[in-house]
Structures are given as C-alpha cells and as structure tokens.
Amino acid sequence: MQDFSGASASHRRVAFGLIVIGILARVLPHPPNVTPLTAIALFGGAALSARWAVGLPLITVMLSDMAIGLHDVVAFTWSGFALTGLLGLWIRRQPSVRRIVLASAAGSTFFFLLSNFGVWLVGDAGTMYPKTLQGLWLCYEAALPFFRNALIGDLVYTGGIFGAYAWMTRRLAVPALSRSR
C-alpha cells in the first residue's frame, strides 16, 4: 500500500480532510453508532505517518465530543479509537483486503468491549449497572444492537475509504508518495 508518510502540506490536507469528515459524521444526524471513525482510524494507521495512527482518531473524537458533549466514558471511547488506529499499523505491515476486513471487525469489537466496560464501570457516575459479573454481562447485552450497527457501519465505511484510496491510486495514477516512516 502506498502511504502518505511524511509531513508535507498534501499529507496534512489528507489528515485534516479525514478529521473534518469524522467530526461532521458525528455531529450530523446518523444511525446510532454508525460513523466513519473506525475507518478513519484504520486508514490513519495504515496510510499516513505512524504518528497519525493515534493522533487522527484522537483529534477527531476530542473535537467532536466537545461539540456533542463530553461524558463519563470518554477515556474509554477515546482509548478504543486510539487502539483501532494502532490496528492500522498492523495493516500497513502487509496490506490486504483480508487484513483490512479483520482490522475493521477487530476495531469494532475492541471499541464495543472497551466502551461498554467503561459504561459498566463509570457510566452515570458508576450507577448504571451493578458492579458484578452479571452487571457487566447486562451492560454488554444491552449494547448488542449498537454493536451490530457499529460493525456493519465500520465495515462499510472501511471498505469505502480504503476502496476509494485504492481506486484513486490505481485509476488516477496518483504518483507514489514518500514511504519514509
């Protein structure tokens, strides 16, 4: 996979564009948990310089959370997206459709597990669910419809972003960019 490594103005424009898309997707009406954030995080880790693997999703969620409102679980949600960005580095090592699909599904799953653990632990000041294994299970069970939405949305957005990138680099003969890391 050709990457956008480096710090040129065009590379910063790609990152800025993805941040704007991510923010707009979160603040504009959308189905619950269906946003391109997982896809953006994966693409940042796979195609931009390594620092964007974590920086891109964190900047996007921090700015959009300031617009839509901070909540008790931000440390968990932000960590979930940062972890997903690191999955992009795994894609970068040996890019393939299989790795991209696996990373997207893994990112959705990690986010689901981590964010809902946060809901169980500190959601509504720690009063939403009993602090027992049964309470944790109830929390995960209640979140399953959101996980389904996220998984489907993440796979679609990831396919769209990586597919558009592949099309642009192949069909439009975008010149190879620096591979320095």
Foldseek 3Di string as FASTA:
>chain_A
DFAAEDDDPVLVVVLVVLLVQQLCQLVDDDPQQQGQLLLSLLNLLQHYHNVSNLVSSLSSCVVSCVVVHDFQQVVQQSVLSSVLSPLSVVCNVPPDPVSLLVSLQVSLVSNLLRSLVSCCCQNVHNPPFDPDPVRSVVSSVVCVVSSVNNSVSSNVSNCVVVVVVVCCCPVVVDDRDDPDD
